[in-house]
C-alpha atoms as a PDB file:
ATOM      1  CA  MET A   1     -13.646 -24.022 -18.533  1.00  0.00           C
ATOM      2  CA  LYS A   2     -10.055 -25.032 -17.871  1.00  0.00           C
ATOM      3  CA  ARG A   3      -9.215 -21.452 -16.896  1.00  0.00           C
ATOM      4  CA  LEU A   4     -11.962 -21.125 -14.298  1.00  0.00           C
ATOM      5  CA  PRO A   5      -9.972 -22.762 -11.439  1.00  0.00           C
ATOM      6  CA  VAL A   6      -6.991 -20.499 -12.169  1.00  0.00           C
ATOM      7  CA  VAL A   7      -9.170 -17.373 -12.188  1.00  0.00           C
ATOM      8  CA  LEU A   8     -10.881 -18.402  -8.952  1.00  0.00           C
ATOM      9  CA  ALA A   9      -7.538 -19.146  -7.287  1.00  0.00           C
ATOM     10  CA  ALA A  10      -6.181 -15.736  -8.333  1.00  0.00           C
ATOM     11  CA  ALA A  11      -9.297 -13.966  -7.033  1.00  0.00           C
ATOM     12  CA  CYS A  12      -9.004 -15.742  -3.676  1.00  0.00           C
ATOM     13  CA  LEU A  13      -5.316 -14.872  -3.436  1.00  0.00           C
ATOM     14  CA  ILE A  14      -5.971 -11.194  -4.115  1.00  0.00           C
ATOM     15  CA  ALA A  15      -8.786 -11.096  -1.556  1.00  0.00           C
ATOM     16  CA  ALA A  16      -6.747 -12.915   1.093  1.00  0.00           C
ATOM     17  CA  CYS A  17      -3.703 -10.679   0.654  1.00  0.00           C
ATOM     18  CA  ASP A  18      -5.580  -7.373   0.824  1.00  0.00           C
ATOM     19  CA  MET A  19      -4.272  -6.533  -2.645  1.00  0.00           C
ATOM     20  CA  SER A  20      -5.610  -3.938  -5.061  1.00  0.00           C
ATOM     21  CA  VAL A  21      -5.047  -3.949  -8.804  1.00  0.00           C
ATOM     22  CA  ASN A  22      -5.067  -0.661 -10.737  1.00  0.00           C
ATOM     23  CA  GLN A  23      -6.216   1.184  -7.609  1.00  0.00           C
ATOM     24  CA  ASP A  24      -4.447   3.642  -5.343  1.00  0.00           C
ATOM     25  CA  ILE A  25      -4.312   3.208  -1.580  1.00  0.00           C
ATOM     26  CA  VAL A  26      -4.890   6.466   0.299  1.00  0.00           C
ATOM     27  CA  VAL A  27      -4.651   6.849   4.076  1.00  0.00           C
ATOM     28  CA  ALA A  28      -6.200  10.111   5.253  1.00  0.00           C
ATOM     29  CA  ALA A  29      -4.190  12.586   7.323  1.00  0.00           C
ATOM     30  CA  GLY A  30      -4.267  11.848  11.048  1.00  0.00           C
ATOM     31  CA  THR A  31      -5.571   8.292  10.627  1.00  0.00           C
ATOM     32  CA  GLU A  32      -4.494   5.595  13.101  1.00  0.00           C
ATOM     33  CA  SER A  33      -4.543   2.066  11.687  1.00  0.00           C
ATOM     34  CA  ALA A  34      -2.888  -1.322  12.017  1.00  0.00           C
ATOM     35  CA  THR A  35      -3.630  -2.230   8.396  1.00  0.00           C
ATOM     36  CA  GLY A  36      -1.253  -1.675   5.495  1.00  0.00           C
ATOM     37  CA  GLY A  37      -1.882  -2.802   1.940  1.00  0.00           C
ATOM     38  CA  ASN A  38      -0.581  -4.006  -1.409  1.00  0.00           C
ATOM     39  CA  THR A  39      -1.304  -2.720  -4.881  1.00  0.00           C
ATOM     40  CA  VAL A  40      -0.245  -3.456  -8.433  1.00  0.00           C
ATOM     41  CA  ASN A  41      -0.269  -0.503 -10.866  1.00  0.00           C
ATOM     42  CA  GLY A  42      -1.438   1.813  -8.088  1.00  0.00           C
ATOM     43  CA  SER A  43       0.207   4.370  -5.838  1.00  0.00           C
ATOM     44  CA  ILE A  44       0.194   4.606  -2.042  1.00  0.00           C
ATOM     45  CA  VAL A  45      -0.306   7.930  -0.255  1.00  0.00           C
ATOM     46  CA  VAL A  46      -0.183   8.238   3.533  1.00  0.00           C
ATOM     47  CA  GLY A  47      -1.376  11.624   4.790  1.00  0.00           C
ATOM     48  CA  GLU A  48       0.320  13.924   7.294  1.00  0.00           C
ATOM     49  CA  LYS A  49       0.513  12.707  10.896  1.00  0.00           C
ATOM     50  CA  ALA A  50      -1.075   9.340  10.039  1.00  0.00           C
ATOM     51  CA  ASP A  51       0.033   6.427  12.217  1.00  0.00           C
ATOM     52  CA  VAL A  52      -0.077   3.079  10.411  1.00  0.00           C
ATOM     53  CA  SER A  53       1.694   0.106  11.971  1.00  0.00           C
ATOM     54  CA  GLY A  54       1.061  -2.063   8.897  1.00  0.00           C
ATOM     55  CA  SER A  55       3.328  -2.290   5.858  1.00  0.00           C
ATOM     56  CA  PHE A  56       2.761  -1.192   2.267  1.00  0.00           C
ATOM     57  CA  ARG A  57       3.956  -2.609  -1.042  1.00  0.00           C
ATOM     58  CA  THR A  58       3.365  -1.487  -4.606  1.00  0.00           C
ATOM     59  CA  VAL A  59       4.477  -2.742  -7.994  1.00  0.00           C
ATOM     60  CA  ASN A  60       4.595  -0.095 -10.754  1.00  0.00           C
ATOM     61  CA  GLY A  61       3.429   2.647  -8.391  1.00  0.00           C
ATOM     62  CA  ASP A  62       4.858   5.400  -6.230  1.00  0.00           C
ATOM     63  CA  VAL A  63       4.726   5.776  -2.445  1.00  0.00           C
ATOM     64  CA  GLU A  64       4.437   9.102  -0.625  1.00  0.00           C
ATOM     65  CA  ILE A  65       4.550   9.324   3.160  1.00  0.00           C
ATOM     66  CA  GLY A  66       3.248  12.655   4.512  1.00  0.00           C
ATOM     67  CA  ALA A  67       5.048  14.894   6.986  1.00  0.00           C
ATOM     68  CA  GLU A  68       5.256  13.524  10.533  1.00  0.00           C
ATOM     69  CA  ALA A  69       3.500  10.281   9.531  1.00  0.00           C
ATOM     70  CA  ARG A  70       4.605   6.873  10.783  1.00  0.00           C
ATOM     71  CA  VAL A  71       4.244   3.630   8.825  1.00  0.00           C
ATOM     72  CA  GLY A  72       5.617   0.106   8.974  1.00  0.00           C
ATOM     73  CA  ASP A  73       7.845  -1.073   6.139  1.00  0.00           C
ATOM     74  CA  ILE A  74       7.361   0.304   2.641  1.00  0.00           C
ATOM     75  CA  ASN A  75       8.429  -1.268  -0.632  1.00  0.00           C
ATOM     76  CA  SER A  76       8.066  -0.117  -4.216  1.00  0.00           C
ATOM     77  CA  VAL A  77       9.068  -2.066  -7.317  1.00  0.00           C
ATOM     78  CA  ASN A  78       9.464   0.153 -10.405  1.00  0.00           C
ATOM     79  CA  GLY A  79       8.301   3.252  -8.530  1.00  0.00           C
ATOM     80  CA  GLY A  80       9.610   6.044  -6.352  1.00  0.00           C
ATOM     81  CA  ILE A  81       9.364   6.545  -2.609  1.00  0.00           C
ATOM     82  CA  VAL A  82       9.025  10.007  -1.012  1.00  0.00           C
ATOM     83  CA  VAL A  83       9.333  10.324   2.770  1.00  0.00           C
ATOM     84  CA  ASN A  84       8.467  13.885   3.827  1.00  0.00           C
ATOM     85  CA  ASP A  85       9.899  15.863   6.769  1.00  0.00           C
ATOM     86  CA  GLY A  86       9.546  14.168  10.146  1.00  0.00           C
ATOM     87  CA  ALA A  87       8.005  10.976   8.721  1.00  0.00           C
ATOM     88  CA  ARG A  88       9.262   7.599   9.967  1.00  0.00           C
ATOM     89  CA  THR A  89       9.183   4.131   8.471  1.00  0.00           C
ATOM     90  CA  GLY A  90      10.049   0.709   9.775  1.00  0.00           C
END
């Protein structure tokens, strides 16, 4: 029972921060969105010509930004970042 408050606090934090655990975040090609996302042990893929003003962060996952896509800031801890031709970040 002592762990219940800690588990509930962690669940609320994850929900409030729009964070995924062990799940990828995929933004379809051509999508326009203001929402980014965070994931732990998941990758982030933004499709070609997508326009996302939000930022993305992953821990232990890779990030790939499709050709001619635009996203806010991107950050990857222990993972690679690929920015394809014509894509912009920041």
